[in-house]
Structures are given as structure tokens and as C-alpha cells.
Amino acid sequence: MENILRPIYQERASHPDTLAVIMVERRNQTSPETDNFDAALLIIVKEADSPVYIKHYEFEGQQASLHIVTDKQIREWILLGTNRRIVDWLMNGKLLFDRNEYLAQLIDKLHTFPFSERKLKIGLEYSKLIRRYLEGKKFFEAKQFLDAYNHIVHALHHLARLEVIDNGFYPETTVWSQVRQIEPQVYKLYQELIDSGETLEKRLELLFLASDFLIHSKAEIGAAHLLSIMEEKEIWYFAELQEHPEIKYYSVDLGILIEFLIEKQLIHTVRIETKGQEIYHRAYKVAKNLLT
């Protein structure tokens, strides 16, 4: 496969903007990591007109894809976890070209997992966890058990990823294999949800009871990144938080996370007068007991 694809990547490898070339081959008959293609070529570049450019090829009854991705996009995918297979490609793909040990340094960063990035990723997973958990609870209370099950499975995945990150590892696509070793308690919750002989309603009821304490106990860890940013000044308007270069990554989950942290008394609300009678701006500040 490498010999066949060599003319495609060699020309690009000679370009000064090219940082690394990686090849990922199909491992199984069903291969979602390569979109069921026989191979995928990942070419990482410094800059490009588009952050992601993809081409497809056919040859001798086989298919291959070419992915040209900017360094900035790669790092954003890693940080936000929005393209989970990219870590698998970087760690397990075949390295064909590496300018000035770019990829070696990137993989070393994946292994060391800087604390600042870890705090942000934990915050993002926790905000997604809260949304999924509360949506699942809403459906459960409405006796929409299949919808509740769907949301709580996603919530447990976010909890599992949070535990993996908190232990200093990047979550892999096989996250439950990691969690089984790292945090058996969370793995047991998941196992009881999918394997228990109880009715779906009873399984969900027991899971909400068991996970409610666990999720609430993770509040300070899950909120540490957001609270550390908010400690930079006393009072924040919601729009100011949305515009912060790191907080913007929370996107649509920021509002529900803040409301949850108000309930946990980690954040307090501040009423600021407007020109309208009995109408106030709502602002936020970190609870004083957290600042001492």
C-alpha cells in the first residue's frame, strides 16, 4: 500500500509547509477509523486555505483517502476531543515523514498531557456530562425511558472520559477498557445499566440514584477550569464569559454548567441595576469560600 501511495504523498512531503505524513491502513473488515477505505493518508501542514481538505482515490480495486489538515486544526481536535480517531491516527499510524521531529514532539505532548490542557478538557467533559445527565433525568421523570437511556449512556461516556483525563491520560476510542482499570466504580455503573436483568425503568432508577452523588462529588474537579478563569476578576457577565478565548469552547453547555454550579454554591449570582424598574442584569462571581 505504501508503495502505491508514495507518488501521492512524496510530492507534498517535499513542500516546506508539510510537517508530517502518516498512513493508516484498514485493520478489520469493518474499519470506521478509515471510513471503510483501505488506507488513509494524513498530511499535517503549517497553514492552508482550508483547515481540512480531503480527496479520495481508487486503484486496483482499492480505495484510499487523503486528508490535508493544518497543525492548528489537529491541536484543536486533540484539545476538544471533537475528532476522536485523530489521536489513534497519531499514536498508531505509520509515520512516513516527520519534519524536525514535529510528530515525535506532538506525541510526547500527548503522553505528558500538560496540566492546563487537562483542566480544560475535564471542564468540557463535565459540562457535557451535566447536560446529558439532566436531559436524561427529564426524560426519566416523563417516563420516556428509551430517550432517558440514550442520554444517560452518553452522560456515562463523558464521566468515563473525565476520569481518564483526571488520571493524566488521553481518552482513547476504547475508553471503557481504560476506565475498567482506572475507575472500576464508573465502569460498574455502565455495566449495571446495560447488563442488569432488571427492567429498563428499574435500571435507570438505580443508576440515577447511584450516579447522582458521584456526579455532584465531581463538581469542584469538573468546574476547576471555569472557576480559575472566573477568579481573574470579581464579576462576570455571561457574554464576557462566552467571549473568553478558553471559555468559548464550552459553547452551548456553558449556561447549564453555570446554573448547576450556582445550585452547588460554587458560583453566586450578582444583581446589577438597569434603567428598567425592578429589572436587573444578572452577573456571576466565584463563591468567596473558594477564594480563601
C-alpha atoms as a PDB file:
ATOM      1  CA  MET A   1       0.000   0.000   0.000  1.00  0.00           C
ATOM      2  CA  GLU A   2       2.783   2.431   0.899  1.00  0.00           C
ATOM      3  CA  ASN A   3       4.479   1.901  -2.485  1.00  0.00           C
ATOM      4  CA  ILE A   4       1.231   2.598  -4.337  1.00  0.00           C
ATOM      5  CA  LEU A   5       0.550   5.785  -2.377  1.00  0.00           C
ATOM      6  CA  ARG A   6       4.145   7.051  -2.450  1.00  0.00           C
ATOM      7  CA  PRO A   7       3.680   9.284  -5.550  1.00  0.00           C
ATOM      8  CA  ILE A   8       0.724  10.970  -3.814  1.00  0.00           C
ATOM      9  CA  TYR A   9       2.490  11.897  -0.595  1.00  0.00           C
ATOM     10  CA  GLN A  10       6.105  12.323  -1.758  1.00  0.00           C
ATOM     11  CA  GLU A  11       5.370  15.484  -3.710  1.00  0.00           C
ATOM     12  CA  ARG A  12       3.612  17.014  -0.705  1.00  0.00           C
ATOM     13  CA  ALA A  13       6.317  15.877   1.731  1.00  0.00           C
ATOM     14  CA  SER A  14       8.848  17.947  -0.207  1.00  0.00           C
ATOM     15  CA  HIS A  15       6.803  21.110   0.371  1.00  0.00           C
ATOM     16  CA  PRO A  16       8.305  23.290   3.157  1.00  0.00           C
ATOM     17  CA  ASP A  17       4.864  23.732   4.801  1.00  0.00           C
ATOM     18  CA  THR A  18       4.422  19.982   5.301  1.00  0.00           C
ATOM     19  CA  LEU A  19       5.114  18.903   8.892  1.00  0.00           C
ATOM     20  CA  ALA A  20       4.285  15.186   8.892  1.00  0.00           C
ATOM     21  CA  VAL A  21       2.808  12.389   6.786  1.00  0.00           C
ATOM     22  CA  ILE A  22       1.068   9.402   8.416  1.00  0.00           C
ATOM     23  CA  MET A  23      -0.567   6.371   6.831  1.00  0.00           C
ATOM     24  CA  VAL A  24      -3.349   4.393   8.500  1.00  0.00           C
ATOM     25  CA  GLU A  25      -4.345   1.081   6.929  1.00  0.00           C
ATOM     26  CA  ARG A  26      -7.588  -0.825   7.293  1.00  0.00           C
ATOM     27  CA  ARG A  27      -7.269  -3.189  10.259  1.00  0.00           C
ATOM     28  CA  ASN A  28     -10.558  -5.081  10.048  1.00  0.00           C
ATOM     29  CA  GLN A  29     -13.304  -5.784   7.548  1.00  0.00           C
ATOM     30  CA  THR A  30     -15.305  -3.030   9.233  1.00  0.00           C
ATOM     31  CA  SER A  31     -12.977  -0.050   9.586  1.00  0.00           C
ATOM     32  CA  PRO A  32     -14.684   3.196  10.684  1.00  0.00           C
ATOM     33  CA  GLU A  33     -11.279   4.669  11.610  1.00  0.00           C
ATOM     34  CA  THR A  34     -10.511   4.865   7.862  1.00  0.00           C
ATOM     35  CA  ASP A  35     -14.153   5.403   6.791  1.00  0.00           C
ATOM     36  CA  ASN A  36     -14.011   1.790   5.484  1.00  0.00           C
ATOM     37  CA  PHE A  37     -11.300   2.789   2.991  1.00  0.00           C
ATOM     38  CA  ASP A  38      -8.278   0.514   2.608  1.00  0.00           C
ATOM     39  CA  ALA A  39      -5.969   3.303   3.724  1.00  0.00           C
ATOM     40  CA  ALA A  40      -5.953   6.914   4.856  1.00  0.00           C
ATOM     41  CA  LEU A  41      -3.091   9.362   4.416  1.00  0.00           C
ATOM     42  CA  LEU A  42      -2.866  12.201   6.920  1.00  0.00           C
ATOM     43  CA  ILE A  43      -0.709  15.133   5.863  1.00  0.00           C
ATOM     44  CA  ILE A  44      -0.231  17.811   8.520  1.00  0.00           C
ATOM     45  CA  VAL A  45       0.728  21.261   7.250  1.00  0.00           C
ATOM     46  CA  LYS A  46       1.594  24.586   8.881  1.00  0.00           C
ATOM     47  CA  GLU A  47      -1.050  26.579   7.047  1.00  0.00           C
ATOM     48  CA  ALA A  48      -3.596  26.097   4.264  1.00  0.00           C
ATOM     49  CA  ASP A  49      -6.531  27.876   2.625  1.00  0.00           C
ATOM     50  CA  SER A  50      -8.839  25.401   4.359  1.00  0.00           C
ATOM     51  CA  PRO A  51      -8.136  23.740   7.748  1.00  0.00           C
ATOM     52  CA  VAL A  52      -9.267  20.366   6.343  1.00  0.00           C
ATOM     53  CA  TYR A  53      -9.038  19.195   2.722  1.00  0.00           C
ATOM     54  CA  ILE A  54      -9.943  15.613   1.709  1.00  0.00           C
ATOM     55  CA  LYS A  55      -9.502  13.732  -1.584  1.00  0.00           C
ATOM     56  CA  HIS A  56     -10.488  10.153  -2.460  1.00  0.00           C
ATOM     57  CA  TYR A  57      -8.613   7.743  -4.731  1.00  0.00           C
ATOM     58  CA  GLU A  58      -9.229   4.355  -6.350  1.00  0.00           C
ATOM     59  CA  PHE A  59      -6.588   1.912  -7.594  1.00  0.00           C
ATOM     60  CA  GLU A  60      -6.543  -1.821  -8.329  1.00  0.00           C
ATOM     61  CA  GLY A  61      -9.917  -2.352  -6.677  1.00  0.00           C
ATOM     62  CA  GLN A  62      -8.873  -0.491  -3.503  1.00  0.00           C
ATOM     63  CA  GLN A  63      -9.747   2.913  -2.070  1.00  0.00           C
ATOM     64  CA  ALA A  64      -7.680   5.474  -0.207  1.00  0.00           C
ATOM     65  CA  SER A  65      -8.347   8.906   1.266  1.00  0.00           C
ATOM     66  CA  LEU A  66      -6.006  11.862   1.588  1.00  0.00           C
ATOM     67  CA  HIS A  67      -6.510  14.273   4.492  1.00  0.00           C
ATOM     68  CA  ILE A  68      -4.572  17.539   4.473  1.00  0.00           C
ATOM     69  CA  VAL A  69      -5.032  19.176   7.874  1.00  0.00           C
ATOM     70  CA  THR A  70      -3.432  22.239   9.453  1.00  0.00           C
ATOM     71  CA  ASP A  71      -1.431  21.997  12.661  1.00  0.00           C
ATOM     72  CA  LYS A  72      -3.917  24.383  14.307  1.00  0.00           C
ATOM     73  CA  GLN A  73      -6.838  22.095  13.444  1.00  0.00           C
ATOM     74  CA  ILE A  74      -5.015  18.993  14.700  1.00  0.00           C
ATOM     75  CA  ARG A  75      -4.312  20.668  18.036  1.00  0.00           C
ATOM     76  CA  GLU A  76      -7.922  21.867  18.340  1.00  0.00           C
ATOM     77  CA  TRP A  77      -9.242  18.349  17.669  1.00  0.00           C
ATOM     78  CA  ILE A  78      -6.922  16.975  20.348  1.00  0.00           C
ATOM     79  CA  LEU A  79      -7.883  19.673  22.832  1.00  0.00           C
ATOM     80  CA  LEU A  80     -11.653  19.471  22.314  1.00  0.00           C
ATOM     81  CA  GLY A  81     -11.936  15.760  21.562  1.00  0.00           C
ATOM     82  CA  THR A  82     -14.168  16.511  18.571  1.00  0.00           C
ATOM     83  CA  ASN A  83     -12.327  14.097  16.261  1.00  0.00           C
ATOM     84  CA  ARG A  84     -11.515  11.162  18.498  1.00  0.00           C
ATOM     85  CA  ARG A  85      -9.894   8.990  15.871  1.00  0.00           C
ATOM     86  CA  ILE A  86      -7.164  11.588  15.309  1.00  0.00           C
ATOM     87  CA  VAL A  87      -5.341  10.522  18.499  1.00  0.00           C
ATOM     88  CA  ASP A  88      -5.482   6.918  17.265  1.00  0.00           C
ATOM     89  CA  TRP A  89      -4.050   8.001  13.881  1.00  0.00           C
ATOM     90  CA  LEU A  90      -1.235   9.966  15.514  1.00  0.00           C
ATOM     91  CA  MET A  91      -0.331   7.236  18.003  1.00  0.00           C
ATOM     92  CA  ASN A  92      -0.794   4.123  15.854  1.00  0.00           C
ATOM     93  CA  GLY A  93      -0.430   5.272  12.243  1.00  0.00           C
ATOM     94  CA  LYS A  94       2.695   4.538  10.219  1.00  0.00           C
ATOM     95  CA  LEU A  95       4.979   7.579  10.122  1.00  0.00           C
ATOM     96  CA  LEU A  96       6.189   8.266   6.576  1.00  0.00           C
ATOM     97  CA  PHE A  97       7.626  11.745   7.057  1.00  0.00           C
ATOM     98  CA  ASP A  98       8.395  13.906  10.103  1.00  0.00           C
ATOM     99  CA  ARG A  99       9.945  17.344   9.644  1.00  0.00           C
ATOM    100  CA  ASN A 100      12.196  18.359  12.543  1.00  0.00           C
ATOM    101  CA  GLU A 101      10.584  15.699  14.773  1.00  0.00           C
ATOM    102  CA  TYR A 102       7.251  17.566  14.711  1.00  0.00           C
ATOM    103  CA  LEU A 103       5.195  14.412  15.260  1.00  0.00           C
ATOM    104  CA  ALA A 104       7.581  12.998  17.855  1.00  0.00           C
ATOM    105  CA  GLN A 105       7.140  16.174  19.899  1.00  0.00           C
ATOM    106  CA  LEU A 106       3.360  16.134  19.439  1.00  0.00           C
ATOM    107  CA  ILE A 107       3.123  12.508  20.615  1.00  0.00           C
ATOM    108  CA  ASP A 108       5.372  13.306  23.579  1.00  0.00           C
ATOM    109  CA  LYS A 109       2.895  16.054  24.495  1.00  0.00           C
ATOM    110  CA  LEU A 110       0.062  13.527  24.266  1.00  0.00           C
ATOM    111  CA  HIS A 111       1.906  11.285  26.701  1.00  0.00           C
ATOM    112  CA  THR A 112       2.779  14.039  29.168  1.00  0.00           C
ATOM    113  CA  PHE A 113      -0.645  15.751  28.818  1.00  0.00           C
ATOM    114  CA  PRO A 114       0.048  19.272  30.211  1.00  0.00           C
ATOM    115  CA  PHE A 115      -1.996  20.120  33.314  1.00  0.00           C
ATOM    116  CA  SER A 116      -3.522  23.273  31.801  1.00  0.00           C
ATOM    117  CA  GLU A 117      -4.952  21.300  28.875  1.00  0.00           C
ATOM    118  CA  ARG A 118      -6.128  18.579  31.229  1.00  0.00           C
ATOM    119  CA  LYS A 119      -8.111  21.094  33.315  1.00  0.00           C
ATOM    120  CA  LEU A 120      -9.822  22.487  30.225  1.00  0.00           C
ATOM    121  CA  LYS A 121     -10.694  19.040  28.850  1.00  0.00           C
ATOM    122  CA  ILE A 122     -12.099  17.964  32.229  1.00  0.00           C
ATOM    123  CA  GLY A 123     -14.242  21.115  32.245  1.00  0.00           C
ATOM    124  CA  LEU A 124     -15.565  20.421  28.759  1.00  0.00           C
ATOM    125  CA  GLU A 125     -16.384  16.798  29.577  1.00  0.00           C
ATOM    126  CA  TYR A 126     -18.068  17.823  32.829  1.00  0.00           C
ATOM    127  CA  SER A 127     -20.256  20.442  31.131  1.00  0.00           C
ATOM    128  CA  LYS A 128     -21.373  17.846  28.554  1.00  0.00           C
ATOM    129  CA  LEU A 129     -21.929  15.342  31.362  1.00  0.00           C
ATOM    130  CA  ILE A 130     -24.226  17.760  33.229  1.00  0.00           C
ATOM    131  CA  ARG A 131     -26.307  18.488  30.124  1.00  0.00           C
ATOM    132  CA  ARG A 132     -26.732  14.823  29.195  1.00  0.00           C
ATOM    133  CA  TYR A 133     -27.454  13.814  32.781  1.00  0.00           C
ATOM    134  CA  LEU A 134     -30.127  16.478  33.317  1.00  0.00           C
ATOM    135  CA  GLU A 135     -31.733  15.772  29.944  1.00  0.00           C
ATOM    136  CA  GLY A 136     -31.794  12.077  30.817  1.00  0.00           C
ATOM    137  CA  LYS A 137     -33.396  12.856  34.164  1.00  0.00           C
ATOM    138  CA  LYS A 138     -36.050  14.976  32.470  1.00  0.00           C
ATOM    139  CA  PHE A 139     -36.990  12.108  30.130  1.00  0.00           C
ATOM    140  CA  PHE A 140     -36.976   9.630  33.029  1.00  0.00           C
ATOM    141  CA  GLU A 141     -39.382  11.797  35.031  1.00  0.00           C
ATOM    142  CA  ALA A 142     -41.622  11.969  31.936  1.00  0.00           C
ATOM    143  CA  LYS A 143     -41.440   8.135  31.710  1.00  0.00           C
ATOM    144  CA  GLN A 144     -39.735   8.343  28.305  1.00  0.00           C
ATOM    145  CA  PHE A 145     -37.347   5.572  29.258  1.00  0.00           C
ATOM    146  CA  LEU A 146     -35.666   4.905  25.890  1.00  0.00           C
ATOM    147  CA  ASP A 147     -34.790   8.601  25.498  1.00  0.00           C
ATOM    148  CA  ALA A 148     -33.603   8.676  29.116  1.00  0.00           C
ATOM    149  CA  TYR A 149     -31.420   5.616  28.445  1.00  0.00           C
ATOM    150  CA  ASN A 150     -29.859   7.254  25.381  1.00  0.00           C
ATOM    151  CA  HIS A 151     -28.891  10.388  27.307  1.00  0.00           C
ATOM    152  CA  ILE A 152     -27.600   8.577  30.382  1.00  0.00           C
ATOM    153  CA  VAL A 153     -25.347   6.336  28.262  1.00  0.00           C
ATOM    154  CA  HIS A 154     -23.827   9.485  26.757  1.00  0.00           C
ATOM    155  CA  ALA A 155     -23.534  11.004  30.256  1.00  0.00           C
ATOM    156  CA  LEU A 156     -21.630   7.944  31.473  1.00  0.00           C
ATOM    157  CA  HIS A 157     -19.281   8.202  28.475  1.00  0.00           C
ATOM    158  CA  HIS A 158     -18.472  11.794  29.447  1.00  0.00           C
ATOM    159  CA  LEU A 159     -17.959  10.708  33.064  1.00  0.00           C
ATOM    160  CA  ALA A 160     -15.652   7.919  31.889  1.00  0.00           C
ATOM    161  CA  ARG A 161     -13.624  10.306  29.728  1.00  0.00           C
ATOM    162  CA  LEU A 162     -13.411  12.755  32.658  1.00  0.00           C
ATOM    163  CA  GLU A 163     -11.972  10.021  34.894  1.00  0.00           C
ATOM    164  CA  VAL A 164      -9.397   9.026  32.268  1.00  0.00           C
ATOM    165  CA  ILE A 165      -8.296  12.644  31.774  1.00  0.00           C
ATOM    166  CA  ASP A 166      -8.169  13.293  35.533  1.00  0.00           C
ATOM    167  CA  ASN A 167      -5.732  10.389  35.788  1.00  0.00           C
ATOM    168  CA  GLY A 168      -3.438  12.015  33.227  1.00  0.00           C
ATOM    169  CA  PHE A 169      -4.340  10.049  30.077  1.00  0.00           C
ATOM    170  CA  TYR A 170      -5.952  10.984  26.781  1.00  0.00           C
ATOM    171  CA  PRO A 171      -9.247   9.113  26.323  1.00  0.00           C
ATOM    172  CA  GLU A 172      -8.938   6.506  23.588  1.00  0.00           C
ATOM    173  CA  THR A 173     -11.719   5.241  21.326  1.00  0.00           C
ATOM    174  CA  THR A 174     -11.824   2.165  23.621  1.00  0.00           C
ATOM    175  CA  VAL A 175     -12.464   4.362  26.652  1.00  0.00           C
ATOM    176  CA  TRP A 176     -14.251   1.669  28.680  1.00  0.00           C
ATOM    177  CA  SER A 177     -11.166  -0.544  28.577  1.00  0.00           C
ATOM    178  CA  GLN A 178      -9.259   2.361  30.116  1.00  0.00           C
ATOM    179  CA  VAL A 179     -11.922   3.091  32.727  1.00  0.00           C
ATOM    180  CA  ARG A 180     -12.146  -0.536  33.802  1.00  0.00           C
ATOM    181  CA  GLN A 181      -8.546  -0.261  35.017  1.00  0.00           C
ATOM    182  CA  ILE A 182      -8.611   3.363  36.199  1.00  0.00           C
ATOM    183  CA  GLU A 183     -12.006   3.786  37.877  1.00  0.00           C
ATOM    184  CA  PRO A 184     -13.901   0.490  38.402  1.00  0.00           C
ATOM    185  CA  GLN A 185     -16.782   2.308  40.131  1.00  0.00           C
ATOM    186  CA  VAL A 186     -17.730   4.150  36.940  1.00  0.00           C
ATOM    187  CA  TYR A 187     -17.265   1.003  34.861  1.00  0.00           C
ATOM    188  CA  LYS A 188     -19.630  -0.838  37.224  1.00  0.00           C
ATOM    189  CA  LEU A 189     -22.322   1.836  36.740  1.00  0.00           C
ATOM    190  CA  TYR A 190     -22.114   1.371  32.990  1.00  0.00           C
ATOM    191  CA  GLN A 191     -22.112  -2.424  33.245  1.00  0.00           C
ATOM    192  CA  GLU A 192     -25.169  -2.443  35.507  1.00  0.00           C
ATOM    193  CA  LEU A 193     -27.041  -0.158  33.126  1.00  0.00           C
ATOM    194  CA  ILE A 194     -26.510  -2.357  30.069  1.00  0.00           C
ATOM    195  CA  ASP A 195     -26.262  -5.856  31.632  1.00  0.00           C
ATOM    196  CA  SER A 196     -28.653  -5.864  34.574  1.00  0.00           C
ATOM    197  CA  GLY A 197     -31.622  -8.225  34.413  1.00  0.00           C
ATOM    198  CA  GLU A 198     -33.916  -5.528  35.830  1.00  0.00           C
ATOM    199  CA  THR A 199     -36.500  -3.685  33.733  1.00  0.00           C
ATOM    200  CA  LEU A 200     -35.233  -0.593  31.908  1.00  0.00           C
ATOM    201  CA  GLU A 201     -37.173   1.657  34.283  1.00  0.00           C
ATOM    202  CA  LYS A 202     -35.632  -0.003  37.334  1.00  0.00           C
ATOM    203  CA  ARG A 203     -32.119   0.086  35.836  1.00  0.00           C
ATOM    204  CA  LEU A 204     -32.448   3.804  35.152  1.00  0.00           C
ATOM    205  CA  GLU A 205     -33.885   4.463  38.612  1.00  0.00           C
ATOM    206  CA  LEU A 206     -30.984   2.685  40.306  1.00  0.00           C
ATOM    207  CA  LEU A 207     -28.441   4.393  38.062  1.00  0.00           C
ATOM    208  CA  PHE A 208     -29.776   7.879  38.780  1.00  0.00           C
ATOM    209  CA  LEU A 209     -29.614   7.146  42.496  1.00  0.00           C
ATOM    210  CA  ALA A 210     -26.043   5.828  42.270  1.00  0.00           C
ATOM    211  CA  SER A 211     -24.656   8.383  39.847  1.00  0.00           C
ATOM    212  CA  ASP A 212     -26.286  11.466  41.361  1.00  0.00           C
ATOM    213  CA  PHE A 213     -23.838  11.534  44.272  1.00  0.00           C
ATOM    214  CA  LEU A 214     -20.890  10.639  42.027  1.00  0.00           C
ATOM    215  CA  ILE A 215     -21.614  13.447  39.559  1.00  0.00           C
ATOM    216  CA  HIS A 216     -22.158  16.002  42.310  1.00  0.00           C
ATOM    217  CA  SER A 217     -18.956  14.910  44.060  1.00  0.00           C
ATOM    218  CA  LYS A 218     -17.014  15.730  40.872  1.00  0.00           C
ATOM    219  CA  ALA A 219     -18.271  19.334  40.802  1.00  0.00           C
ATOM    220  CA  GLU A 220     -15.101  21.002  42.094  1.00  0.00           C
ATOM    221  CA  ILE A 221     -12.864  18.944  39.794  1.00  0.00           C
ATOM    222  CA  GLY A 222     -15.177  19.446  36.818  1.00  0.00           C
ATOM    223  CA  ALA A 223     -15.538  23.174  37.436  1.00  0.00           C
ATOM    224  CA  ALA A 224     -11.888  23.885  38.336  1.00  0.00           C
ATOM    225  CA  HIS A 225     -11.016  25.315  34.912  1.00  0.00           C
ATOM    226  CA  LEU A 226     -14.058  27.601  34.684  1.00  0.00           C
ATOM    227  CA  LEU A 227     -13.653  28.800  38.276  1.00  0.00           C
ATOM    228  CA  SER A 228      -9.937  29.506  37.804  1.00  0.00           C
ATOM    229  CA  ILE A 229     -10.773  31.751  34.835  1.00  0.00           C
ATOM    230  CA  MET A 230     -13.543  33.494  36.784  1.00  0.00           C
ATOM    231  CA  GLU A 231     -11.126  34.243  39.624  1.00  0.00           C
ATOM    232  CA  GLU A 232      -9.307  36.626  37.269  1.00  0.00           C
ATOM    233  CA  LYS A 233     -11.866  39.290  38.170  1.00  0.00           C
ATOM    234  CA  GLU A 234     -14.693  39.698  40.660  1.00  0.00           C
ATOM    235  CA  ILE A 235     -17.818  39.882  38.472  1.00  0.00           C
ATOM    236  CA  TRP A 236     -18.601  38.477  35.030  1.00  0.00           C
ATOM    237  CA  TYR A 237     -21.474  38.986  32.644  1.00  0.00           C
ATOM    238  CA  PHE A 238     -22.432  35.861  30.728  1.00  0.00           C
ATOM    239  CA  ALA A 239     -21.441  37.441  27.400  1.00  0.00           C
ATOM    240  CA  GLU A 240     -17.962  38.173  28.792  1.00  0.00           C
ATOM    241  CA  LEU A 241     -17.513  34.525  29.692  1.00  0.00           C
ATOM    242  CA  GLN A 242     -18.678  33.436  26.234  1.00  0.00           C
ATOM    243  CA  GLU A 243     -16.057  35.661  24.616  1.00  0.00           C
ATOM    244  CA  HIS A 244     -13.142  34.422  26.733  1.00  0.00           C
ATOM    245  CA  PRO A 245     -10.675  32.554  24.475  1.00  0.00           C
ATOM    246  CA  GLU A 246     -10.812  29.384  26.623  1.00  0.00           C
ATOM    247  CA  ILE A 247     -14.382  29.513  27.935  1.00  0.00           C
ATOM    248  CA  LYS A 248     -15.752  29.835  24.389  1.00  0.00           C
ATOM    249  CA  TYR A 249     -15.009  26.127  23.927  1.00  0.00           C
ATOM    250  CA  TYR A 250     -17.833  25.280  26.364  1.00  0.00           C
ATOM    251  CA  SER A 251     -20.231  26.612  23.713  1.00  0.00           C
ATOM    252  CA  VAL A 252     -23.908  25.757  24.337  1.00  0.00           C
ATOM    253  CA  ASP A 253     -23.115  23.869  27.568  1.00  0.00           C
ATOM    254  CA  LEU A 254     -21.816  26.927  29.444  1.00  0.00           C
ATOM    255  CA  GLY A 255     -25.234  28.139  30.622  1.00  0.00           C
ATOM    256  CA  ILE A 256     -26.364  24.830  32.099  1.00  0.00           C
ATOM    257  CA  LEU A 257     -22.971  24.323  33.792  1.00  0.00           C
ATOM    258  CA  ILE A 258     -23.166  27.741  35.467  1.00  0.00           C
ATOM    259  CA  GLU A 259     -26.714  27.047  36.707  1.00  0.00           C
ATOM    260  CA  PHE A 260     -25.565  23.716  38.119  1.00  0.00           C
ATOM    261  CA  LEU A 261     -22.621  25.390  39.898  1.00  0.00           C
ATOM    262  CA  ILE A 262     -24.975  28.019  41.349  1.00  0.00           C
ATOM    263  CA  GLU A 263     -27.036  25.165  42.783  1.00  0.00           C
ATOM    264  CA  LYS A 264     -23.815  23.707  44.226  1.00  0.00           C
ATOM    265  CA  GLN A 265     -22.956  27.171  45.669  1.00  0.00           C
ATOM    266  CA  LEU A 266     -19.648  27.284  43.819  1.00  0.00           C
ATOM    267  CA  ILE A 267     -20.844  30.334  41.869  1.00  0.00           C
ATOM    268  CA  HIS A 268     -23.051  33.165  43.160  1.00  0.00           C
ATOM    269  CA  THR A 269     -25.287  35.483  41.156  1.00  0.00           C
ATOM    270  CA  VAL A 270     -24.981  39.267  41.338  1.00  0.00           C
ATOM    271  CA  ARG A 271     -27.881  41.614  40.516  1.00  0.00           C
ATOM    272  CA  ILE A 272     -26.880  44.843  38.776  1.00  0.00           C
ATOM    273  CA  GLU A 273     -29.432  47.584  38.253  1.00  0.00           C
ATOM    274  CA  THR A 274     -30.670  48.529  34.805  1.00  0.00           C
ATOM    275  CA  LYS A 275     -32.692  51.540  33.700  1.00  0.00           C
ATOM    276  CA  GLY A 276     -35.834  49.420  33.881  1.00  0.00           C
ATOM    277  CA  GLN A 277     -37.704  49.334  37.173  1.00  0.00           C
ATOM    278  CA  GLU A 278     -37.260  46.052  39.056  1.00  0.00           C
ATOM    279  CA  ILE A 279     -35.217  44.609  36.166  1.00  0.00           C
ATOM    280  CA  TYR A 280     -31.619  43.660  36.836  1.00  0.00           C
ATOM    281  CA  HIS A 281     -28.650  42.446  34.886  1.00  0.00           C
ATOM    282  CA  ARG A 282     -27.589  39.024  36.125  1.00  0.00           C
ATOM    283  CA  ALA A 283     -23.850  38.597  36.620  1.00  0.00           C
ATOM    284  CA  TYR A 284     -21.726  35.903  38.255  1.00  0.00           C
ATOM    285  CA  LYS A 285     -18.863  35.583  40.693  1.00  0.00           C
ATOM    286  CA  VAL A 286     -16.926  32.755  42.329  1.00  0.00           C
ATOM    287  CA  ALA A 287     -18.113  31.867  45.841  1.00  0.00           C
ATOM    288  CA  LYS A 288     -15.957  33.631  48.452  1.00  0.00           C
ATOM    289  CA  ASN A 289     -15.150  30.436  50.334  1.00  0.00           C
ATOM    290  CA  LEU A 290     -13.359  29.170  47.198  1.00  0.00           C
ATOM    291  CA  LEU A 291     -11.137  32.254  47.054  1.00  0.00           C
ATOM    292  CA  THR A 292      -9.774  31.890  50.600  1.00  0.00           C
END
